[in-house]
Amino acid sequence: MTIERTDIRIAAFQAQGPAIHVHGLEKSNTTLRMLRGVDFDG
């Protein structure tokens, strides 16, 4: 009997690219803009 583990291949495929992609991040409060247009991949 042969069992094919497709879940392992899918997990390995998903881990190849960046886990996070951010483009144009902004953070501010009512008086101060702390971040403006931050981009990164991680």
Protein backbone atom coordinates (compact mmCIF):
# COMPACT_ATOMS: atom_id res chain seq x y z
CA MET A 1 0.00 0.00 0.00
CA THR A 2 1.37 3.43 -0.98
CA ILE A 3 0.25 6.63 0.74
CA GLU A 4 1.03 9.93 -0.94
CA ARG A 5 1.46 12.86 1.46
CA THR A 6 0.33 15.86 -0.59
CA ASP A 7 0.11 18.09 2.50
CA ILE A 8 3.92 18.07 2.88
CA ARG A 9 4.51 19.22 -0.69
CA ILE A 10 1.93 21.99 -0.35
CA ALA A 11 3.54 23.31 2.85
CA ALA A 12 6.99 23.32 1.22
CA PHE A 13 5.62 25.18 -1.82
CA GLN A 14 3.97 27.85 0.33
CA ALA A 15 7.17 28.50 2.28
CA GLN A 16 9.23 29.44 -0.81
CA GLY A 17 7.96 33.03 -1.21
CA PRO A 18 7.89 35.91 1.27
CA ALA A 19 5.57 35.44 4.23
CA ILE A 20 4.66 39.14 4.26
CA HIS A 21 4.44 41.73 1.48
CA VAL A 22 3.68 45.34 2.49
CA HIS A 23 3.29 48.25 0.09
CA GLY A 24 2.54 51.85 1.11
CA LEU A 25 2.23 51.30 4.87
CA GLU A 26 1.15 54.37 6.81
CA LYS A 27 0.82 54.90 10.56
CA SER A 28 -0.32 58.06 12.29
CA ASN A 29 -2.21 59.37 15.27
CA THR A 30 -4.21 62.60 15.54
CA THR A 31 -1.13 64.87 15.66
CA LEU A 32 1.82 62.99 14.12
CA ARG A 33 2.43 60.88 11.00
CA MET A 34 5.00 58.25 12.04
CA LEU A 35 5.27 56.17 8.84
CA ARG A 36 4.50 57.14 5.27
CA GLY A 37 4.83 54.90 2.21
CA VAL A 38 6.90 52.08 3.74
CA ASP A 39 7.37 48.96 1.54
CA PHE A 40 8.95 45.64 2.55
CA ASP A 41 8.93 41.88 2.01
CA GLY A 42 9.70 39.51 4.82
